[in-house]
């Protein structure tokens, strides 16, 4: 009789988890996109030149590129809930620091604190989705993974407009203050909805602090070189190489490595996913930021006009993600996305200073297709290719590959454009995009491990 009265265990994904997961995952893109329209007013208010305000962007990129896999590893060890709550608290603290900071230096510190806090959202989401798969037995929670992708894309689109509205209402400090209510919402939803279970593995082994420190030194020094390629930064490159050697030695000899290099080296499909993400990010960020720069610098459009002309690209990306999100197959998305990216990059060779508006829009719309397909497919691939006890750090490394590609694209655009975003500079940049897109097509077509991926349960 007792068994009859006991309520049945839920058989589907716990939909109560979606709000905290989506809200935590959007903290990073919203802090990236809001700042885009605030750099000039911040510089005017604090008397800081562009060379100093640029560190507000770079500090978040570097912090999250390094912090995502580190926090992801902590999620693997201690469960998503405590890291999610700690990350939300840091975002709130960073928002308060930014709202009160009297100098550009303290604003950079605030951005670093916010960056550290936002590192927890995405790995926590991927870890929780994997644990829900184990609980429910559902092979592919494609719709839930698609929600994460769509949330990020929507925020990236509306972020600059929202930032402009916040600045108009409350000044530039409002883009920091807005983190406080977002963090409080994460804390309430996370405390209320996220499960308290902790992983059963590795509780008796110390966290690899030395390996983590060497990883951070390797990546930070490399990213600083990529952000400003210059012969004067050669010592940083030497630091990166030495740290990489020490990191490899440490991870191959310690009992509980931060990144299990043997396991990672033996997981060819996962490494190819990181390569695809890197190549896609180089091309994607070059288009998203380089194309509008050319519209303003050579085609003579205003910033708002250039922004309006790339809105169709974001709209098609969101539409494609929403339509294809429920389909679990991954290989088709990657192949179509790669070849569309190649064709779209080649189409940029057709534009010049006198190109009609309809042509600029006609090129932008199909460029949104790979934005929607590749981001979703690579995310889903990591979900299925990573081992269950490393899914948090694996998800973090995917974000690291994305930020590395973003920084490479920024350096490439700076080299191609020089002092002015000219048509010849755009066409030189396109040569890099064509090379990366062609390699992306080869990797997607030849990766046999993608066949059937997504239709089977992720490894336990």
Protein backbone atom coordinates (compact mmCIF):
# COMPACT_ATOMS: atom_id res chain seq x y z
CA UNK A 1 0.00 0.00 0.00
CA UNK A 2 2.88 2.37 0.81
CA UNK A 3 4.41 1.77 -2.61
CA UNK A 4 1.11 2.64 -4.26
CA UNK A 5 0.89 5.97 -2.44
CA UNK A 6 4.55 6.92 -3.05
CA UNK A 7 4.76 9.38 -5.99
CA UNK A 8 6.53 8.10 -9.09
CA UNK A 9 9.97 9.45 -9.83
CA UNK A 10 10.06 12.02 -12.62
CA UNK A 11 10.68 10.41 -15.99
CA UNK A 12 11.72 13.49 -17.97
CA UNK A 13 14.21 16.32 -17.68
CA UNK A 14 13.45 18.47 -14.63
CA UNK A 15 12.20 21.65 -16.29
CA UNK A 16 12.64 23.56 -13.04
CA UNK A 17 16.38 23.47 -13.73
CA UNK A 18 16.11 25.38 -17.02
CA UNK A 19 15.73 28.94 -15.57
CA UNK A 20 18.84 28.79 -13.33
CA UNK A 21 20.86 27.02 -16.04
CA UNK A 22 19.91 29.51 -18.75
CA UNK A 23 20.38 32.52 -16.46
CA UNK A 24 23.80 31.32 -15.30
CA UNK A 25 24.95 30.64 -18.87
CA UNK A 26 23.97 34.13 -20.10
CA UNK A 27 25.99 36.03 -17.46
CA UNK A 28 29.14 35.78 -19.56
CA UNK A 29 27.75 36.88 -22.95
CA UNK A 30 25.71 39.70 -21.41
CA UNK A 31 28.81 41.13 -19.72
CA UNK A 32 30.71 40.82 -23.01
CA UNK A 33 28.05 42.54 -25.12
CA UNK A 34 26.92 45.29 -22.72
CA UNK A 35 30.43 46.76 -22.58
CA UNK A 36 30.61 47.24 -26.36
CA UNK A 37 28.73 50.56 -26.17
CA UNK A 38 30.21 51.72 -22.86
CA UNK A 39 33.93 52.02 -23.65
CA UNK A 40 33.74 55.58 -24.98
CA UNK A 41 31.68 57.05 -22.09
CA UNK A 42 33.89 55.22 -19.57
CA UNK A 43 37.01 56.69 -21.16
CA UNK A 44 35.53 60.21 -21.14
CA UNK A 45 34.35 59.93 -17.54
CA UNK A 46 37.61 58.57 -16.13
CA UNK A 47 40.03 60.31 -18.49
CA UNK A 48 41.30 56.98 -19.85
CA UNK A 49 42.56 56.56 -23.43
CA UNK A 50 41.36 53.75 -25.68
CA UNK A 51 44.52 51.77 -24.93
CA UNK A 52 43.43 51.57 -21.27
CA UNK A 53 39.70 50.99 -21.77
CA UNK A 54 40.59 48.10 -24.10
CA UNK A 55 41.72 46.21 -21.00
CA UNK A 56 38.11 46.14 -19.83
CA UNK A 57 37.42 43.83 -22.78
CA UNK A 58 40.69 41.91 -22.64
CA UNK A 59 40.49 41.23 -18.91
CA UNK A 60 37.15 39.45 -19.24
CA UNK A 61 38.34 37.39 -22.23
CA UNK A 62 41.57 36.31 -20.54
CA UNK A 63 39.91 35.58 -17.18
CA UNK A 64 37.16 33.45 -18.70
CA UNK A 65 39.45 31.68 -21.16
CA UNK A 66 41.61 30.52 -18.25
CA UNK A 67 38.87 30.21 -15.64
CA UNK A 68 36.26 28.16 -17.52
CA UNK A 69 38.19 24.84 -17.49
CA UNK A 70 39.47 25.47 -13.95
CA UNK A 71 35.99 26.09 -12.58
CA UNK A 72 34.70 23.26 -14.74
CA UNK A 73 37.13 20.90 -13.05
CA UNK A 74 35.90 22.09 -9.64
CA UNK A 75 32.35 21.42 -10.83
CA UNK A 76 33.39 17.86 -11.72
CA UNK A 77 34.84 17.36 -8.23
CA UNK A 78 32.33 19.11 -6.01
CA UNK A 79 29.15 19.25 -8.04
CA UNK A 80 27.57 22.17 -9.92
CA UNK A 81 25.51 23.72 -7.10
CA UNK A 82 28.26 25.16 -4.84
CA UNK A 83 30.28 26.48 -7.78
CA UNK A 84 27.18 27.95 -9.41
CA UNK A 85 26.24 29.80 -6.20
CA UNK A 86 29.81 31.00 -5.59
CA UNK A 87 30.06 32.22 -9.18
CA UNK A 88 26.77 34.13 -8.89
CA UNK A 89 27.99 35.77 -5.67
CA UNK A 90 31.23 36.88 -7.40
CA UNK A 91 29.26 38.39 -10.27
CA UNK A 92 27.27 40.44 -7.74
CA UNK A 93 30.44 41.55 -5.94
CA UNK A 94 32.01 42.52 -9.25
CA UNK A 95 28.91 44.52 -10.15
CA UNK A 96 29.14 46.49 -6.91
CA UNK A 97 32.88 47.10 -7.40
CA UNK A 98 32.27 48.38 -10.92
CA UNK A 99 29.47 50.64 -9.80
CA UNK A 100 31.72 52.28 -7.20
CA UNK A 101 35.16 52.14 -8.88
CA UNK A 102 36.80 55.58 -9.11
CA UNK A 103 39.51 54.58 -11.61
CA UNK A 104 40.05 52.46 -14.70
CA UNK A 105 42.34 50.14 -12.74
CA UNK A 106 39.63 49.23 -10.25
CA UNK A 107 37.17 48.79 -13.12
CA UNK A 108 39.52 46.21 -14.62
CA UNK A 109 39.60 44.44 -11.23
CA UNK A 110 35.79 44.45 -11.24
CA UNK A 111 35.76 42.90 -14.71
CA UNK A 112 38.17 40.18 -13.55
CA UNK A 113 35.91 39.37 -10.57
CA UNK A 114 32.86 39.30 -12.87
CA UNK A 115 34.76 37.10 -15.32
CA UNK A 116 35.64 34.61 -12.60
CA UNK A 117 32.01 34.53 -11.50
CA UNK A 118 30.67 33.92 -14.99
CA UNK A 119 33.00 30.93 -15.42
CA UNK A 120 30.68 28.72 -13.38
CA UNK A 121 27.43 29.03 -15.34
CA UNK A 122 28.19 27.05 -18.50
CA UNK A 123 30.15 24.12 -16.96
CA UNK A 124 27.50 23.81 -14.24
CA UNK A 125 24.76 23.66 -16.87
CA UNK A 126 26.51 20.96 -18.89
CA UNK A 127 27.23 18.93 -15.75
CA UNK A 128 23.61 19.13 -14.57
CA UNK A 129 22.25 18.18 -17.98
CA UNK A 130 24.52 15.11 -17.97
CA UNK A 131 23.37 14.11 -14.48
CA UNK A 132 19.74 14.48 -15.60
CA UNK A 133 20.50 12.14 -18.50
CA UNK A 134 21.76 9.53 -16.06
CA UNK A 135 18.68 10.00 -13.86
CA UNK A 136 16.09 9.90 -16.63
CA UNK A 137 17.79 7.62 -19.15
CA UNK A 138 17.00 10.06 -21.99
CA UNK A 139 19.68 9.59 -24.63
CA UNK A 140 19.87 13.10 -26.03
CA UNK A 141 18.41 16.16 -24.26
CA UNK A 142 18.74 18.13 -27.52
CA UNK A 143 16.04 20.66 -26.73
CA UNK A 144 17.66 21.61 -23.41
CA UNK A 145 21.09 22.01 -25.03
CA UNK A 146 19.46 24.14 -27.73
CA UNK A 147 17.99 26.43 -25.07
CA UNK A 148 21.53 27.20 -23.82
CA UNK A 149 22.67 28.01 -27.36
CA UNK A 150 19.65 30.19 -28.18
CA UNK A 151 19.92 32.05 -24.87
CA UNK A 152 23.54 32.96 -25.58
CA UNK A 153 22.75 34.07 -29.14
CA UNK A 154 19.77 36.20 -28.15
CA UNK A 155 21.76 37.95 -25.42
CA UNK A 156 24.62 38.63 -27.84
CA UNK A 157 22.16 40.28 -30.23
CA UNK A 158 20.27 42.46 -27.75
CA UNK A 159 23.29 43.14 -25.51
CA UNK A 160 24.56 46.31 -27.23
CA UNK A 161 21.02 47.75 -27.50
CA UNK A 162 20.34 46.90 -23.86
CA UNK A 163 23.66 48.47 -22.90
CA UNK A 164 22.71 51.67 -24.71
CA UNK A 165 19.38 51.76 -22.89
CA UNK A 166 21.02 51.20 -19.50
CA UNK A 167 23.55 53.97 -20.15
CA UNK A 168 20.78 56.37 -21.25
CA UNK A 169 18.81 55.68 -18.06
CA UNK A 170 21.52 55.28 -15.41
CA UNK A 171 24.88 56.18 -16.96
CA UNK A 172 27.71 53.84 -17.83
CA UNK A 173 27.90 52.44 -14.29
CA UNK A 174 24.50 50.82 -14.89
CA UNK A 175 26.16 48.12 -17.01
CA UNK A 176 27.94 47.03 -13.83
CA UNK A 177 25.00 47.58 -11.49
CA UNK A 178 22.73 45.32 -13.58
CA UNK A 179 24.87 42.37 -12.45
CA UNK A 180 23.53 42.72 -8.90
CA UNK A 181 19.88 41.76 -9.63
CA UNK A 182 21.05 39.09 -12.11
CA UNK A 183 23.33 37.59 -9.46
CA UNK A 184 20.56 37.67 -6.85
CA UNK A 185 18.21 35.89 -9.25
CA UNK A 186 20.87 33.21 -9.85
CA UNK A 187 21.40 32.78 -6.11
CA UNK A 188 17.69 32.39 -5.41
CA UNK A 189 17.00 30.03 -8.32
CA UNK A 190 20.20 28.05 -7.75
CA UNK A 191 19.58 27.61 -4.03
CA UNK A 192 15.94 26.71 -4.59
CA UNK A 193 16.10 24.49 -7.66
CA UNK A 194 19.55 22.94 -8.07
CA UNK A 195 20.12 19.50 -6.50
CA UNK A 196 22.51 19.17 -3.57
CA UNK A 197 24.05 15.81 -4.56
CA UNK A 198 27.82 15.77 -4.90
CA UNK A 199 29.99 13.52 -7.09
CA UNK A 200 31.23 10.38 -5.37
CA UNK A 201 34.63 10.39 -7.05
CA UNK A 202 37.97 11.95 -6.15
CA UNK A 203 36.88 13.24 -2.76
CA UNK A 204 40.04 11.85 -1.15
CA UNK A 205 42.46 13.45 -3.65
CA UNK A 206 43.84 16.97 -3.40
CA UNK A 207 43.09 19.47 -6.13
CA UNK A 208 46.00 19.94 -8.53
CA UNK A 209 46.94 23.51 -7.62
CA UNK A 210 50.39 23.36 -9.23
CA UNK A 211 49.00 22.06 -12.52
CA UNK A 212 46.26 24.69 -12.46
CA UNK A 213 48.80 27.45 -11.84
CA UNK A 214 51.03 26.29 -14.70
CA UNK A 215 47.98 26.06 -17.00
CA UNK A 216 47.01 29.63 -16.09
CA UNK A 217 50.55 30.94 -16.64
CA UNK A 218 50.76 29.17 -20.00
CA UNK A 219 47.43 30.49 -21.27
CA UNK A 220 47.60 34.03 -19.87
CA UNK A 221 51.04 34.69 -21.37
CA UNK A 222 49.96 33.21 -24.72
CA UNK A 223 46.76 35.26 -24.83
CA UNK A 224 48.63 38.48 -24.00
CA UNK A 225 50.97 37.83 -26.93
CA UNK A 226 48.05 37.11 -29.29
CA UNK A 227 46.19 40.25 -28.24
CA UNK A 228 49.18 42.47 -29.10
CA UNK A 229 51.66 40.65 -31.37
CA UNK A 230 54.95 42.48 -31.01
CA UNK A 231 58.63 41.58 -30.80
CA UNK A 232 58.72 43.22 -27.37
CA UNK A 233 56.40 40.49 -26.09
CA UNK A 234 58.76 37.67 -27.00
CA UNK A 235 59.60 37.04 -23.31
CA UNK A 236 55.91 36.30 -22.70
CA UNK A 237 56.02 33.68 -25.42
CA UNK A 238 59.03 32.09 -23.74
CA UNK A 239 57.10 32.07 -20.45
CA UNK A 240 54.19 30.35 -22.21
CA UNK A 241 56.44 27.64 -23.68
CA UNK A 242 58.19 26.97 -20.37
CA UNK A 243 54.88 26.89 -18.50
CA UNK A 244 53.47 24.48 -21.11
CA UNK A 245 56.42 22.14 -20.64
CA UNK A 246 56.04 22.25 -16.86
CA UNK A 247 52.29 21.76 -17.15
CA UNK A 248 52.68 18.70 -19.36
CA UNK A 249 55.23 17.14 -17.01
CA UNK A 250 53.07 17.81 -13.98
CA UNK A 251 49.86 16.44 -15.49
CA UNK A 252 51.55 13.27 -16.73
CA UNK A 253 53.06 12.45 -13.33
CA UNK A 254 50.49 13.48 -10.72
CA UNK A 255 47.85 11.06 -9.43
CA UNK A 256 44.95 13.51 -9.75
CA UNK A 257 45.70 15.89 -12.65
CA UNK A 258 43.81 19.09 -13.33
CA UNK A 259 43.61 18.02 -16.97
CA UNK A 260 44.22 14.33 -17.62
CA UNK A 261 46.43 14.74 -20.69
CA UNK A 262 46.62 10.99 -21.32
CA UNK A 263 42.84 10.76 -21.32
CA UNK A 264 42.55 13.89 -23.43
CA UNK A 265 45.17 12.73 -25.94
CA UNK A 266 43.36 9.43 -26.28
CA UNK A 267 40.05 11.17 -27.00
CA UNK A 268 40.60 12.13 -30.64
CA UNK A 269 36.94 13.04 -31.27
CA UNK A 270 36.97 15.56 -28.41
CA UNK A 271 40.25 17.12 -29.59
CA UNK A 272 38.78 17.50 -33.10
CA UNK A 273 35.75 19.23 -31.59
CA UNK A 274 38.06 21.74 -29.89
CA UNK A 275 39.85 22.27 -33.22
CA UNK A 276 36.52 22.86 -34.99
CA UNK A 277 35.49 25.33 -32.28
CA UNK A 278 38.79 27.23 -32.62
CA UNK A 279 38.54 27.45 -36.43
CA UNK A 280 34.87 28.41 -36.30
CA UNK A 281 35.52 31.10 -33.68
CA UNK A 282 38.31 32.68 -35.76
CA UNK A 283 36.01 32.99 -38.77
CA UNK A 284 32.86 33.84 -36.81
CA UNK A 285 34.35 36.61 -34.69
CA UNK A 286 36.17 38.04 -37.71
CA UNK A 287 32.83 38.33 -39.51
CA UNK A 288 30.76 39.56 -36.55
CA UNK A 289 33.24 42.33 -35.72
CA UNK A 290 35.24 42.78 -38.94
CA UNK A 291 32.29 43.11 -41.33
CA UNK A 292 30.62 46.00 -39.42
CA UNK A 293 34.03 47.69 -39.07
CA UNK A 294 34.38 47.65 -42.86
CA UNK A 295 30.81 48.98 -43.28
CA UNK A 296 31.70 51.98 -41.13
CA UNK A 297 35.27 52.52 -42.35
CA UNK A 298 34.80 52.08 -46.11
CA UNK A 299 31.12 51.86 -46.97
CA UNK A 300 30.43 55.00 -44.93
CA UNK A 301 27.66 53.68 -42.70
CA UNK A 302 27.03 54.96 -39.20
CA UNK A 303 27.53 52.57 -36.26
CA UNK A 304 23.77 52.19 -35.89
CA UNK A 305 23.38 51.56 -39.62
CA UNK A 306 26.08 48.89 -39.59
CA UNK A 307 24.44 47.32 -36.57
CA UNK A 308 21.08 47.18 -38.32
CA UNK A 309 22.61 45.53 -41.39
CA UNK A 310 24.06 42.63 -39.36
CA UNK A 311 20.84 42.04 -37.43
CA UNK A 312 19.56 39.68 -40.18
CA UNK A 313 22.64 37.52 -39.59
CA UNK A 314 21.83 37.15 -35.90
CA UNK A 315 18.16 36.59 -36.68
CA UNK A 316 18.95 33.74 -39.06
CA UNK A 317 21.37 32.24 -36.50
CA UNK A 318 18.70 32.20 -33.79
CA UNK A 319 16.12 30.79 -36.21
CA UNK A 320 18.42 28.01 -37.40
CA UNK A 321 19.33 27.06 -33.83
CA UNK A 322 15.68 26.97 -32.76
CA UNK A 323 14.63 24.88 -35.79
CA UNK A 324 17.51 22.39 -35.66
CA UNK A 325 17.89 22.23 -31.87
CA UNK A 326 15.55 19.29 -31.34
CA UNK A 327 17.31 17.13 -33.92
CA UNK A 328 20.01 15.12 -32.11
CA UNK A 329 22.21 14.45 -35.15
CA UNK A 330 25.46 16.42 -35.05
CA UNK A 331 27.46 15.59 -38.19
CA UNK A 332 24.95 17.09 -40.63
CA UNK A 333 24.91 20.38 -38.72
CA UNK A 334 28.71 20.59 -38.77
CA UNK A 335 29.06 19.78 -42.48
CA UNK A 336 26.34 22.20 -43.60
CA UNK A 337 27.63 24.87 -41.24
CA UNK A 338 31.23 24.51 -42.43
CA UNK A 339 30.41 24.73 -46.15
CA UNK A 340 28.00 27.64 -45.60
CA UNK A 341 30.76 29.44 -43.71
CA UNK A 342 33.16 28.82 -46.60
CA UNK A 343 30.65 30.15 -49.16
CA UNK A 344 29.74 33.14 -47.00
CA UNK A 345 33.39 34.06 -46.49
CA UNK A 346 34.00 33.85 -50.24
CA UNK A 347 30.99 36.13 -50.83
CA UNK A 348 32.73 38.88 -48.87
CA UNK A 349 35.18 39.16 -51.78
CA UNK A 350 32.29 40.57 -53.85
CA UNK A 351 31.84 43.73 -51.78
CA UNK A 352 33.54 47.09 -52.31
CA UNK A 353 33.03 50.73 -51.37
CA UNK A 354 30.09 51.08 -53.78
CA UNK A 355 28.26 47.82 -52.98
CA UNK A 356 24.46 48.28 -52.78
CA UNK A 357 22.68 47.77 -49.49
CA UNK A 358 20.76 44.74 -50.75
CA UNK A 359 24.03 42.92 -51.42
CA UNK A 360 25.33 43.62 -47.90
CA UNK A 361 22.11 42.23 -46.42
CA UNK A 362 22.07 39.28 -48.83
CA UNK A 363 25.55 38.29 -47.64
CA UNK A 364 24.71 38.76 -43.96
CA UNK A 365 21.63 36.51 -43.90
CA UNK A 366 23.29 33.20 -44.93
CA UNK A 367 26.27 33.97 -42.67
CA UNK A 368 23.91 33.45 -39.75
CA UNK A 369 23.35 29.80 -40.71
CA UNK A 370 26.80 28.57 -39.61
CA UNK A 371 26.56 30.79 -36.52
CA UNK A 372 23.51 28.76 -35.48
CA UNK A 373 24.61 25.31 -36.60
CA UNK A 374 28.26 25.15 -35.57
CA UNK A 375 27.86 26.58 -32.07
CA UNK A 376 25.06 24.16 -31.26
CA UNK A 377 26.74 21.14 -32.85
CA UNK A 378 30.11 21.62 -31.13
CA UNK A 379 28.41 22.11 -27.78
CA UNK A 380 26.39 18.92 -28.26
CA UNK A 381 29.48 17.04 -29.45
CA UNK A 382 31.38 17.87 -26.24
CA UNK A 383 28.39 16.74 -24.21
CA UNK A 384 28.52 13.29 -25.84
CA UNK A 385 32.29 12.92 -26.23
CA UNK A 386 33.45 13.88 -22.73
CA UNK A 387 33.52 11.36 -19.92
CA UNK A 388 30.88 11.86 -17.23
CA UNK A 389 33.37 12.80 -14.49
CA UNK A 390 35.09 15.41 -16.71
CA UNK A 391 32.16 17.05 -18.49
CA UNK A 392 32.55 20.32 -16.58
CA UNK A 393 36.21 20.83 -17.47
CA UNK A 394 35.53 19.60 -21.03
CA UNK A 395 32.80 22.24 -21.42
CA UNK A 396 35.16 24.86 -20.01
CA UNK A 397 37.85 23.95 -22.54
CA UNK A 398 35.30 24.39 -25.34
CA UNK A 399 34.79 27.97 -24.16
CA UNK A 400 38.58 28.41 -23.95
CA UNK A 401 38.87 27.37 -27.61
CA UNK A 402 36.16 29.90 -28.47
CA UNK A 403 37.90 32.77 -26.66
CA UNK A 404 41.26 31.83 -28.16
CA UNK A 405 39.66 32.05 -31.60
CA UNK A 406 38.12 35.41 -30.72
CA UNK A 407 41.49 36.82 -29.71
CA UNK A 408 43.17 35.46 -32.86
CA UNK A 409 40.44 37.06 -34.99
CA UNK A 410 40.93 40.39 -33.21
CA UNK A 411 44.68 40.32 -33.90
CA UNK A 412 44.06 39.29 -37.53
CA UNK A 413 41.57 42.12 -38.09
CA UNK A 414 43.97 44.65 -36.57
CA UNK A 415 46.75 43.43 -38.86
CA UNK A 416 44.54 43.44 -41.96
CA UNK A 417 42.92 46.84 -41.39
CA UNK A 418 45.76 48.82 -39.85
CA UNK A 419 44.59 52.39 -39.30
CA UNK A 420 41.45 52.08 -41.47
CA UNK A 421 39.00 49.28 -42.26
CA UNK A 422 39.46 49.43 -46.02
CA UNK A 423 38.08 47.12 -48.71
CA UNK A 424 41.55 45.78 -49.48
CA UNK A 425 42.02 45.07 -45.78
CA UNK A 426 38.71 43.19 -45.66
CA UNK A 427 39.73 41.10 -48.65
CA UNK A 428 43.07 40.29 -47.01
CA UNK A 429 41.19 39.21 -43.88
CA UNK A 430 38.93 37.02 -46.03
CA UNK A 431 41.95 35.00 -47.16
CA UNK A 432 42.45 33.87 -43.56
CA UNK A 433 38.73 33.12 -43.27
CA UNK A 434 38.77 31.00 -46.42
CA UNK A 435 41.73 28.98 -45.15
CA UNK A 436 40.12 28.34 -41.75
CA UNK A 437 36.73 27.56 -43.33
CA UNK A 438 38.27 25.11 -45.81
CA UNK A 439 40.10 23.32 -42.99
CA UNK A 440 36.85 23.26 -41.02
CA UNK A 441 35.12 21.56 -43.97
CA UNK A 442 37.86 18.91 -44.12
CA UNK A 443 37.71 18.20 -40.38
CA UNK A 444 33.90 17.93 -40.42
CA UNK A 445 33.81 15.65 -43.48
CA UNK A 446 36.59 13.28 -42.46
CA UNK A 447 35.67 12.80 -38.79
CA UNK A 448 34.08 9.35 -38.78
CA UNK A 449 33.35 9.55 -35.05
CA UNK A 450 30.56 12.02 -35.82
CA UNK A 451 28.45 9.38 -37.55
CA UNK A 452 25.49 8.67 -35.32
CA UNK A 453 26.81 10.97 -32.58
CA UNK A 454 23.95 12.50 -30.65
CA UNK A 455 21.52 9.65 -31.12
CA UNK A 456 23.12 7.48 -28.42
CA UNK A 457 23.43 8.18 -24.67
CA UNK A 458 26.53 10.08 -23.60
CA UNK A 459 29.17 7.87 -21.94
CA UNK A 460 28.77 7.32 -18.22
